[in-house]
Amino acid sequence: MKKFLFIAAIVALIMGTAVDASAKVRKGKGKKHQAQTSKTIKSNNQNMKVDQGMYTADDATRLANGDVADLEKAFIADFYGQYVFNGNIYNEAYLPYVKIKFSKAALSKLANADGGYDWSVVTGRNDDSAGITPDHFIINRLDGNWFEVCGADGFNTYLKVEGSDGAYKITEVSSTR
């Protein structure tokens, strides 16, 4: 009798979990979200469709086909947008992502004695100055691959950007030029 009840319980479990092969799954009406992949901008009184890419700074100078004219400058704008303006450059979790933007020589200039990095040369933030903020952010190309990044309270930093298209690194950082 115990064997019969045991087998009946197993059969009941199997039958209870079996699914009819003809069962249909109903799709609920959900909202479809589509990412914006392009935008139209007006340049020289012509409307152009510009695909959103890695460098999409609204104030970037663009060629007639919509490409960014100065990729090194766009690299710096993208770096500041991702890591400096929002404070991610000071967050230890973002350090691996920040470090790959710099060459080893540039990182060694920013290294502290305690093993950390002094980002104030890049950000301009200290007790007296707000440094580089979205409201005070100007990039000027100097000779060669040198760029001057200007911020609030007269702060300037100088960055040298080198590398092939799309694989740029900040190779030198200086507070004076």
N, C-alpha and C. Protein backbone atom coordinates (compact mmCIF):
# COMPACT_ATOMS: atom_id res chain seq x y z
N MET A 1 0.81 -1.19 0.00
CA MET A 1 0.00 0.00 0.00
C MET A 1 0.86 1.26 0.00
N LYS A 2 1.96 1.24 0.77
CA LYS A 2 2.84 2.41 0.81
C LYS A 2 3.48 2.65 -0.55
N LYS A 3 3.86 1.54 -1.24
CA LYS A 3 4.45 1.69 -2.57
C LYS A 3 3.44 2.29 -3.54
N PHE A 4 2.20 1.90 -3.44
CA PHE A 4 1.17 2.40 -4.32
C PHE A 4 0.96 3.90 -4.10
N LEU A 5 0.92 4.33 -2.84
CA LEU A 5 0.76 5.76 -2.55
C LEU A 5 1.98 6.57 -3.01
N PHE A 6 3.15 5.99 -2.86
CA PHE A 6 4.36 6.67 -3.31
C PHE A 6 4.34 6.86 -4.82
N ILE A 7 4.00 5.80 -5.55
CA ILE A 7 3.94 5.89 -7.02
C ILE A 7 2.83 6.85 -7.44
N ALA A 8 1.70 6.85 -6.75
CA ALA A 8 0.61 7.76 -7.08
C ALA A 8 1.02 9.22 -6.85
N ALA A 9 1.79 9.46 -5.78
CA ALA A 9 2.26 10.82 -5.51
C ALA A 9 3.23 11.29 -6.58
N ILE A 10 4.11 10.39 -7.03
CA ILE A 10 5.06 10.75 -8.10
C ILE A 10 4.31 11.04 -9.40
N VAL A 11 3.34 10.20 -9.74
CA VAL A 11 2.56 10.41 -10.96
C VAL A 11 1.79 11.73 -10.87
N ALA A 12 1.24 12.04 -9.70
CA ALA A 12 0.51 13.29 -9.52
C ALA A 12 1.42 14.50 -9.69
N LEU A 13 2.63 14.40 -9.18
CA LEU A 13 3.59 15.49 -9.36
C LEU A 13 3.95 15.69 -10.82
N ILE A 14 4.18 14.58 -11.50
CA ILE A 14 4.54 14.67 -12.93
C ILE A 14 3.37 15.24 -13.72
N MET A 15 2.18 14.78 -13.47
CA MET A 15 1.01 15.26 -14.20
C MET A 15 0.69 16.73 -13.87
N GLY A 16 0.95 17.10 -12.64
CA GLY A 16 0.68 18.48 -12.24
C GLY A 16 1.63 19.48 -12.86
N THR A 17 2.84 19.06 -13.17
CA THR A 17 3.81 19.98 -13.76
C THR A 17 3.91 19.85 -15.27
N ALA A 18 3.22 18.90 -15.85
CA ALA A 18 3.26 18.74 -17.31
C ALA A 18 2.53 19.91 -17.95
N VAL A 19 3.02 20.33 -19.10
CA VAL A 19 2.43 21.45 -19.83
C VAL A 19 1.92 20.93 -21.16
N ASP A 20 0.76 21.35 -21.50
CA ASP A 20 0.17 20.97 -22.77
C ASP A 20 0.99 21.60 -23.90
N ALA A 21 1.33 20.84 -24.90
CA ALA A 21 2.14 21.34 -26.00
C ALA A 21 1.40 22.36 -26.84
N SER A 22 0.09 22.35 -26.76
CA SER A 22 -0.68 23.30 -27.56
C SER A 22 -0.91 24.62 -26.82
N ALA A 23 -0.38 24.76 -25.64
CA ALA A 23 -0.57 25.99 -24.88
C ALA A 23 0.10 27.15 -25.60
N LYS A 24 -0.55 28.27 -25.60
CA LYS A 24 -0.02 29.45 -26.29
C LYS A 24 0.35 30.52 -25.26
N VAL A 25 1.39 31.22 -25.56
CA VAL A 25 1.83 32.30 -24.70
C VAL A 25 1.23 33.60 -25.23
N ARG A 26 0.60 34.32 -24.34
CA ARG A 26 0.01 35.60 -24.75
C ARG A 26 1.04 36.70 -24.60
N LYS A 27 1.08 37.54 -25.58
CA LYS A 27 1.95 38.71 -25.51
C LYS A 27 1.15 39.88 -24.98
N GLY A 28 1.70 40.49 -23.95
CA GLY A 28 1.04 41.67 -23.41
C GLY A 28 1.38 42.88 -24.27
N LYS A 29 0.54 43.85 -24.22
CA LYS A 29 0.80 45.08 -24.97
C LYS A 29 1.73 45.95 -24.14
N GLY A 30 2.96 45.96 -24.52
CA GLY A 30 3.94 46.77 -23.80
C GLY A 30 4.34 47.96 -24.64
N LYS A 31 4.94 48.91 -23.99
CA LYS A 31 5.43 50.08 -24.71
C LYS A 31 6.72 49.73 -25.42
N LYS A 32 6.82 50.15 -26.64
CA LYS A 32 8.05 49.92 -27.39
C LYS A 32 8.93 51.15 -27.23
N HIS A 33 10.14 50.90 -26.75
CA HIS A 33 11.11 51.98 -26.58
C HIS A 33 12.16 51.84 -27.66
N GLN A 34 12.39 52.89 -28.36
CA GLN A 34 13.40 52.87 -29.41
C GLN A 34 14.42 53.96 -29.12
N ALA A 35 15.65 53.57 -29.11
CA ALA A 35 16.72 54.54 -28.83
C ALA A 35 16.86 55.49 -30.01
N GLN A 36 17.14 56.73 -29.70
CA GLN A 36 17.38 57.70 -30.74
C GLN A 36 18.78 57.50 -31.28
N THR A 37 18.87 57.17 -32.55
CA THR A 37 20.18 56.89 -33.12
C THR A 37 20.68 58.00 -34.01
N SER A 38 19.85 58.96 -34.28
CA SER A 38 20.33 60.06 -35.11
C SER A 38 19.58 61.33 -34.72
N LYS A 39 20.15 62.43 -35.11
CA LYS A 39 19.48 63.70 -34.87
C LYS A 39 19.79 64.61 -36.05
N THR A 40 18.95 65.59 -36.24
CA THR A 40 19.14 66.52 -37.33
C THR A 40 19.69 67.82 -36.76
N ILE A 41 20.77 68.29 -37.35
CA ILE A 41 21.35 69.56 -36.91
C ILE A 41 21.37 70.51 -38.09
N LYS A 42 21.45 71.77 -37.80
CA LYS A 42 21.49 72.78 -38.85
C LYS A 42 22.88 73.37 -38.90
N SER A 43 23.50 73.28 -40.04
CA SER A 43 24.84 73.81 -40.21
C SER A 43 24.93 74.49 -41.57
N ASN A 44 25.36 75.73 -41.58
CA ASN A 44 25.48 76.50 -42.81
C ASN A 44 24.15 76.50 -43.59
N ASN A 45 23.06 76.70 -42.85
CA ASN A 45 21.72 76.76 -43.41
C ASN A 45 21.32 75.49 -44.14
N GLN A 46 21.90 74.37 -43.80
CA GLN A 46 21.52 73.07 -44.36
C GLN A 46 21.21 72.14 -43.21
N ASN A 47 20.19 71.34 -43.36
CA ASN A 47 19.88 70.34 -42.34
C ASN A 47 20.65 69.08 -42.66
N MET A 48 21.31 68.51 -41.65
CA MET A 48 22.08 67.29 -41.84
C MET A 48 21.62 66.27 -40.81
N LYS A 49 21.59 65.03 -41.20
CA LYS A 49 21.31 63.95 -40.27
C LYS A 49 22.65 63.44 -39.76
N VAL A 50 22.84 63.47 -38.45
CA VAL A 50 24.10 63.06 -37.85
C VAL A 50 23.84 61.84 -37.00
N ASP A 51 24.51 60.73 -37.31
CA ASP A 51 24.38 59.52 -36.51
C ASP A 51 25.06 59.74 -35.17
N GLN A 52 24.41 59.27 -34.11
CA GLN A 52 25.01 59.37 -32.79
C GLN A 52 26.16 58.38 -32.72
N GLY A 53 27.31 58.85 -32.39
CA GLY A 53 28.47 57.99 -32.29
C GLY A 53 29.15 58.17 -30.96
N MET A 54 30.43 57.86 -30.91
CA MET A 54 31.16 57.99 -29.66
C MET A 54 31.30 59.46 -29.26
N TYR A 55 31.52 60.32 -30.23
CA TYR A 55 31.75 61.73 -29.95
C TYR A 55 30.55 62.52 -30.43
N THR A 56 29.67 62.89 -29.53
CA THR A 56 28.44 63.56 -29.92
C THR A 56 28.28 64.90 -29.22
N ALA A 57 29.36 65.53 -28.89
CA ALA A 57 29.25 66.85 -28.26
C ALA A 57 28.51 67.79 -29.20
N ASP A 58 27.51 68.46 -28.66
CA ASP A 58 26.68 69.32 -29.50
C ASP A 58 27.47 70.47 -30.10
N ASP A 59 28.50 70.93 -29.39
CA ASP A 59 29.25 72.07 -29.89
C ASP A 59 30.47 71.65 -30.70
N ALA A 60 30.59 70.36 -31.03
CA ALA A 60 31.74 69.91 -31.83
C ALA A 60 31.63 70.43 -33.25
N THR A 61 32.73 70.89 -33.79
CA THR A 61 32.76 71.34 -35.18
C THR A 61 32.66 70.12 -36.08
N ARG A 62 31.73 70.17 -37.02
CA ARG A 62 31.49 69.02 -37.88
C ARG A 62 31.77 69.35 -39.33
N LEU A 63 32.17 68.33 -40.07
CA LEU A 63 32.38 68.47 -41.50
C LEU A 63 31.03 68.41 -42.20
N ALA A 64 31.02 68.61 -43.53
CA ALA A 64 29.77 68.62 -44.28
C ALA A 64 29.02 67.30 -44.19
N ASN A 65 29.74 66.18 -44.04
CA ASN A 65 29.06 64.88 -43.95
C ASN A 65 28.64 64.54 -42.52
N GLY A 66 28.88 65.42 -41.57
CA GLY A 66 28.47 65.20 -40.19
C GLY A 66 29.56 64.66 -39.29
N ASP A 67 30.70 64.27 -39.86
CA ASP A 67 31.79 63.75 -39.04
C ASP A 67 32.37 64.87 -38.17
N VAL A 68 32.89 64.49 -37.03
CA VAL A 68 33.54 65.46 -36.15
C VAL A 68 34.86 65.86 -36.79
N ALA A 69 35.13 67.16 -36.87
CA ALA A 69 36.31 67.66 -37.56
C ALA A 69 37.59 67.41 -36.78
N ASP A 70 37.55 67.48 -35.48
CA ASP A 70 38.75 67.35 -34.66
C ASP A 70 38.52 66.25 -33.62
N LEU A 71 38.94 65.04 -33.96
CA LEU A 71 38.67 63.89 -33.09
C LEU A 71 39.43 63.97 -31.77
N GLU A 72 40.64 64.53 -31.78
CA GLU A 72 41.38 64.66 -30.54
C GLU A 72 40.66 65.59 -29.57
N LYS A 73 40.15 66.69 -30.10
CA LYS A 73 39.39 67.64 -29.27
C LYS A 73 38.11 66.97 -28.75
N ALA A 74 37.47 66.19 -29.60
CA ALA A 74 36.26 65.47 -29.19
C ALA A 74 36.59 64.42 -28.12
N PHE A 75 37.78 63.82 -28.20
CA PHE A 75 38.22 62.85 -27.19
C PHE A 75 38.31 63.52 -25.83
N ILE A 76 38.89 64.73 -25.80
CA ILE A 76 39.01 65.46 -24.53
C ILE A 76 37.63 65.84 -24.00
N ALA A 77 36.75 66.32 -24.88
CA ALA A 77 35.39 66.68 -24.45
C ALA A 77 34.66 65.46 -23.90
N ASP A 78 34.83 64.32 -24.55
CA ASP A 78 34.19 63.09 -24.09
C ASP A 78 34.76 62.65 -22.74
N PHE A 79 36.08 62.78 -22.57
CA PHE A 79 36.72 62.42 -21.30
C PHE A 79 36.18 63.27 -20.16
N TYR A 80 36.11 64.58 -20.36
CA TYR A 80 35.61 65.46 -19.31
C TYR A 80 34.13 65.20 -19.04
N GLY A 81 33.36 64.92 -20.09
CA GLY A 81 31.94 64.63 -19.90
C GLY A 81 31.70 63.36 -19.11
N GLN A 82 32.51 62.33 -19.34
CA GLN A 82 32.31 61.04 -18.68
C GLN A 82 32.89 60.98 -17.27
N TYR A 83 34.02 61.64 -17.04
CA TYR A 83 34.74 61.40 -15.79
C TYR A 83 34.95 62.63 -14.91
N VAL A 84 35.02 63.81 -15.47
CA VAL A 84 35.37 64.99 -14.66
C VAL A 84 34.13 65.72 -14.17
N PHE A 85 33.20 66.06 -15.06
CA PHE A 85 32.05 66.87 -14.67
C PHE A 85 31.21 66.20 -13.59
N ASN A 86 31.06 64.91 -13.64
CA ASN A 86 30.21 64.20 -12.68
C ASN A 86 31.00 63.65 -11.48
N GLY A 87 32.30 63.89 -11.43
CA GLY A 87 33.10 63.46 -10.29
C GLY A 87 33.58 62.02 -10.35
N ASN A 88 33.32 61.32 -11.46
CA ASN A 88 33.74 59.91 -11.57
C ASN A 88 35.25 59.74 -11.52
N ILE A 89 35.99 60.79 -11.85
CA ILE A 89 37.46 60.68 -11.85
C ILE A 89 37.98 60.44 -10.43
N TYR A 90 37.22 60.87 -9.43
CA TYR A 90 37.63 60.67 -8.04
C TYR A 90 37.10 59.37 -7.45
N ASN A 91 36.21 58.68 -8.15
CA ASN A 91 35.62 57.44 -7.67
C ASN A 91 36.55 56.28 -8.00
N GLU A 92 36.96 55.54 -6.98
CA GLU A 92 37.91 54.43 -7.17
C GLU A 92 37.36 53.37 -8.12
N ALA A 93 36.05 53.21 -8.18
CA ALA A 93 35.45 52.20 -9.06
C ALA A 93 35.69 52.53 -10.53
N TYR A 94 35.84 53.80 -10.85
CA TYR A 94 36.07 54.21 -12.23
C TYR A 94 37.55 54.29 -12.60
N LEU A 95 38.43 54.06 -11.63
CA LEU A 95 39.87 54.20 -11.89
C LEU A 95 40.37 53.35 -13.06
N PRO A 96 39.94 52.09 -13.21
CA PRO A 96 40.42 51.33 -14.38
C PRO A 96 40.02 51.96 -15.71
N TYR A 97 38.85 52.60 -15.76
CA TYR A 97 38.39 53.23 -17.00
C TYR A 97 39.11 54.55 -17.25
N VAL A 98 39.43 55.25 -16.18
CA VAL A 98 40.15 56.52 -16.30
C VAL A 98 41.60 56.27 -16.71
N LYS A 99 42.22 55.24 -16.11
CA LYS A 99 43.64 54.98 -16.36
C LYS A 99 43.93 54.67 -17.83
N ILE A 100 43.01 54.02 -18.52
CA ILE A 100 43.28 53.67 -19.93
C ILE A 100 43.22 54.88 -20.84
N LYS A 101 42.74 56.00 -20.35
CA LYS A 101 42.71 57.23 -21.15
C LYS A 101 44.07 57.93 -21.14
N PHE A 102 44.97 57.52 -20.23
CA PHE A 102 46.28 58.15 -20.08
C PHE A 102 47.38 57.16 -20.44
N SER A 103 48.49 57.69 -20.92
CA SER A 103 49.68 56.85 -21.11
C SER A 103 50.33 56.63 -19.74
N LYS A 104 51.23 55.67 -19.66
CA LYS A 104 51.90 55.39 -18.39
C LYS A 104 52.73 56.58 -17.93
N ALA A 105 53.35 57.28 -18.86
CA ALA A 105 54.17 58.44 -18.51
C ALA A 105 53.31 59.55 -17.91
N ALA A 106 52.14 59.78 -18.49
CA ALA A 106 51.25 60.83 -17.97
C ALA A 106 50.72 60.44 -16.59
N LEU A 107 50.39 59.18 -16.40
CA LEU A 107 49.91 58.73 -15.09
C LEU A 107 50.99 58.86 -14.02
N SER A 108 52.23 58.61 -14.41
CA SER A 108 53.31 58.71 -13.43
C SER A 108 53.49 60.15 -12.94
N LYS A 109 53.19 61.14 -13.79
CA LYS A 109 53.27 62.54 -13.37
C LYS A 109 52.15 62.90 -12.39
N LEU A 110 51.03 62.17 -12.47
CA LEU A 110 49.89 62.45 -11.61
C LEU A 110 49.90 61.63 -10.32
N ALA A 111 50.83 60.69 -10.20
CA ALA A 111 50.86 59.79 -9.05
C ALA A 111 51.28 60.52 -7.78
N ASN A 112 50.65 60.13 -6.68
CA ASN A 112 50.99 60.63 -5.34
C ASN A 112 51.98 59.68 -4.69
N ALA A 113 52.53 60.11 -3.57
CA ALA A 113 53.43 59.25 -2.80
C ALA A 113 52.67 58.10 -2.14
N ASP A 114 51.37 58.30 -1.88
CA ASP A 114 50.59 57.25 -1.22
C ASP A 114 49.98 56.24 -2.19
N GLY A 115 50.33 56.31 -3.46
CA GLY A 115 49.83 55.35 -4.45
C GLY A 115 48.59 55.79 -5.18
N GLY A 116 48.03 56.93 -4.82
CA GLY A 116 46.85 57.46 -5.50
C GLY A 116 47.27 58.43 -6.60
N TYR A 117 46.29 59.17 -7.09
CA TYR A 117 46.54 60.13 -8.16
C TYR A 117 46.00 61.49 -7.77
N ASP A 118 46.75 62.53 -8.13
CA ASP A 118 46.32 63.90 -7.90
C ASP A 118 45.66 64.41 -9.17
N TRP A 119 44.33 64.35 -9.21
CA TRP A 119 43.59 64.74 -10.40
C TRP A 119 43.38 66.24 -10.50
N SER A 120 43.83 67.02 -9.51
CA SER A 120 43.59 68.46 -9.54
C SER A 120 44.27 69.14 -10.73
N VAL A 121 45.33 68.54 -11.25
CA VAL A 121 45.99 69.10 -12.43
C VAL A 121 45.06 69.00 -13.64
N VAL A 122 44.25 67.96 -13.68
CA VAL A 122 43.34 67.74 -14.80
C VAL A 122 42.02 68.47 -14.58
N THR A 123 41.51 68.45 -13.33
CA THR A 123 40.19 69.01 -13.06
C THR A 123 40.22 70.46 -12.61
N GLY A 124 41.31 70.88 -11.99
CA GLY A 124 41.40 72.24 -11.48
C GLY A 124 40.68 72.45 -10.17
N ARG A 125 40.14 71.39 -9.60
CA ARG A 125 39.40 71.54 -8.34
C ARG A 125 40.34 71.51 -7.16
N ASN A 126 40.23 72.55 -6.36
CA ASN A 126 40.94 72.60 -5.08
C ASN A 126 40.12 73.48 -4.15
N ASP A 127 40.66 73.84 -3.04
CA ASP A 127 39.89 74.62 -2.06
C ASP A 127 39.48 75.99 -2.58
N ASP A 128 40.30 76.57 -3.46
CA ASP A 128 40.05 77.93 -3.91
C ASP A 128 39.29 78.01 -5.23
N SER A 129 39.28 76.95 -6.02
CA SER A 129 38.73 77.04 -7.37
C SER A 129 37.77 75.89 -7.66
N ALA A 130 36.72 76.19 -8.42
CA ALA A 130 35.78 75.17 -8.87
C ALA A 130 36.37 74.36 -10.02
N GLY A 131 37.39 74.94 -10.66
CA GLY A 131 38.06 74.23 -11.75
C GLY A 131 37.24 74.18 -13.02
N ILE A 132 37.31 73.06 -13.69
CA ILE A 132 36.62 72.90 -14.97
C ILE A 132 35.24 72.32 -14.71
N THR A 133 34.22 73.06 -15.09
CA THR A 133 32.83 72.66 -14.93
C THR A 133 32.15 72.73 -16.30
N PRO A 134 30.97 72.14 -16.45
CA PRO A 134 30.29 72.26 -17.74
C PRO A 134 30.03 73.70 -18.16
N ASP A 135 29.84 74.58 -17.18
CA ASP A 135 29.60 75.99 -17.50
C ASP A 135 30.88 76.73 -17.89
N HIS A 136 32.01 76.27 -17.37
CA HIS A 136 33.31 76.88 -17.67
C HIS A 136 34.22 75.81 -18.25
N PHE A 137 34.07 75.58 -19.53
CA PHE A 137 34.82 74.51 -20.20
C PHE A 137 35.10 74.94 -21.64
N ILE A 138 36.34 75.27 -21.89
CA ILE A 138 36.76 75.70 -23.23
C ILE A 138 38.00 74.90 -23.60
N ILE A 139 38.01 74.35 -24.81
CA ILE A 139 39.17 73.61 -25.31
C ILE A 139 39.73 74.38 -26.49
N ASN A 140 41.02 74.69 -26.44
CA ASN A 140 41.70 75.35 -27.55
C ASN A 140 42.84 74.45 -28.03
N ARG A 141 42.91 74.27 -29.34
CA ARG A 141 44.03 73.50 -29.90
C ARG A 141 45.22 74.43 -30.03
N LEU A 142 46.35 73.97 -29.50
CA LEU A 142 47.60 74.70 -29.63
C LEU A 142 48.42 74.04 -30.73
N ASP A 143 49.69 74.29 -30.77
CA ASP A 143 50.53 73.69 -31.80
C ASP A 143 50.65 72.18 -31.59
N GLY A 144 50.72 71.45 -32.70
CA GLY A 144 50.85 70.00 -32.63
C GLY A 144 49.60 69.36 -32.04
N ASN A 145 49.80 68.45 -31.13
CA ASN A 145 48.69 67.75 -30.48
C ASN A 145 48.42 68.27 -29.07
N TRP A 146 48.85 69.48 -28.78
CA TRP A 146 48.64 70.08 -27.47
C TRP A 146 47.29 70.81 -27.44
N PHE A 147 46.60 70.69 -26.30
CA PHE A 147 45.33 71.37 -26.11
C PHE A 147 45.35 72.10 -24.78
N GLU A 148 44.74 73.27 -24.78
CA GLU A 148 44.57 74.04 -23.55
C GLU A 148 43.11 73.89 -23.13
N VAL A 149 42.90 73.44 -21.90
CA VAL A 149 41.55 73.31 -21.36
C VAL A 149 41.39 74.38 -20.29
N CYS A 150 40.42 75.27 -20.49
CA CYS A 150 40.22 76.40 -19.59
C CYS A 150 38.97 76.18 -18.76
N GLY A 151 39.05 76.60 -17.50
CA GLY A 151 37.92 76.47 -16.58
C GLY A 151 37.65 77.76 -15.84
N ALA A 152 36.94 77.64 -14.73
CA ALA A 152 36.57 78.80 -13.92
C ALA A 152 37.79 79.35 -13.18
N ASP A 153 37.70 80.58 -12.78
CA ASP A 153 38.72 81.27 -11.98
C ASP A 153 40.08 81.30 -12.67
N GLY A 154 40.08 81.33 -14.00
CA GLY A 154 41.33 81.43 -14.74
C GLY A 154 42.17 80.17 -14.76
N PHE A 155 41.58 79.03 -14.40
CA PHE A 155 42.34 77.77 -14.40
C PHE A 155 42.58 77.29 -15.82
N ASN A 156 43.82 76.87 -16.09
CA ASN A 156 44.19 76.28 -17.38
C ASN A 156 44.98 75.02 -17.14
N THR A 157 44.77 74.03 -17.96
CA THR A 157 45.61 72.83 -17.96
C THR A 157 45.94 72.52 -19.40
N TYR A 158 47.05 71.86 -19.62
CA TYR A 158 47.52 71.56 -20.96
C TYR A 158 47.65 70.06 -21.12
N LEU A 159 47.02 69.53 -22.15
CA LEU A 159 47.02 68.09 -22.41
C LEU A 159 47.56 67.82 -23.80
N LYS A 160 48.36 66.80 -23.91
CA LYS A 160 48.84 66.35 -25.23
C LYS A 160 48.15 65.03 -25.53
N VAL A 161 47.48 64.97 -26.68
CA VAL A 161 46.71 63.79 -27.07
C VAL A 161 47.38 63.17 -28.29
N GLU A 162 47.68 61.88 -28.19
CA GLU A 162 48.31 61.18 -29.30
C GLU A 162 47.66 59.82 -29.49
N GLY A 163 47.82 59.27 -30.68
CA GLY A 163 47.29 57.95 -31.00
C GLY A 163 46.59 57.97 -32.34
N SER A 164 46.19 56.79 -32.78
CA SER A 164 45.48 56.70 -34.05
C SER A 164 44.00 57.00 -33.83
N ASP A 165 43.28 57.18 -34.92
CA ASP A 165 41.86 57.53 -34.83
C ASP A 165 41.11 56.53 -33.96
N GLY A 166 40.44 57.04 -32.93
CA GLY A 166 39.65 56.21 -32.05
C GLY A 166 40.43 55.54 -30.94
N ALA A 167 41.76 55.64 -30.95
CA ALA A 167 42.59 55.02 -29.92
C ALA A 167 43.52 56.05 -29.30
N TYR A 168 42.93 57.16 -28.89
CA TYR A 168 43.72 58.26 -28.36
C TYR A 168 44.04 58.04 -26.88
N LYS A 169 45.15 58.63 -26.47
CA LYS A 169 45.55 58.66 -25.06
C LYS A 169 46.10 60.04 -24.75
N ILE A 170 45.93 60.45 -23.50
CA ILE A 170 46.55 61.68 -23.03
C ILE A 170 47.96 61.30 -22.63
N THR A 171 48.94 61.82 -23.38
CA THR A 171 50.32 61.39 -23.16
C THR A 171 51.10 62.33 -22.26
N GLU A 172 50.66 63.58 -22.15
CA GLU A 172 51.33 64.54 -21.26
C GLU A 172 50.30 65.45 -20.64
N VAL A 173 50.52 65.78 -19.36
CA VAL A 173 49.65 66.68 -18.62
C VAL A 173 50.53 67.72 -17.95
N SER A 174 50.14 68.99 -18.08
CA SER A 174 50.94 70.04 -17.48
C SER A 174 50.04 71.17 -17.04
N SER A 175 50.42 71.84 -15.96
CA SER A 175 49.67 73.01 -15.53
C SER A 175 50.22 74.29 -16.14
N THR A 176 51.40 74.21 -16.75
CA THR A 176 52.01 75.36 -17.43
C THR A 176 52.43 74.95 -18.82
N ARG A 177 52.55 75.92 -19.65
CA ARG A 177 52.97 75.62 -21.03
C ARG A 177 54.10 76.53 -21.40
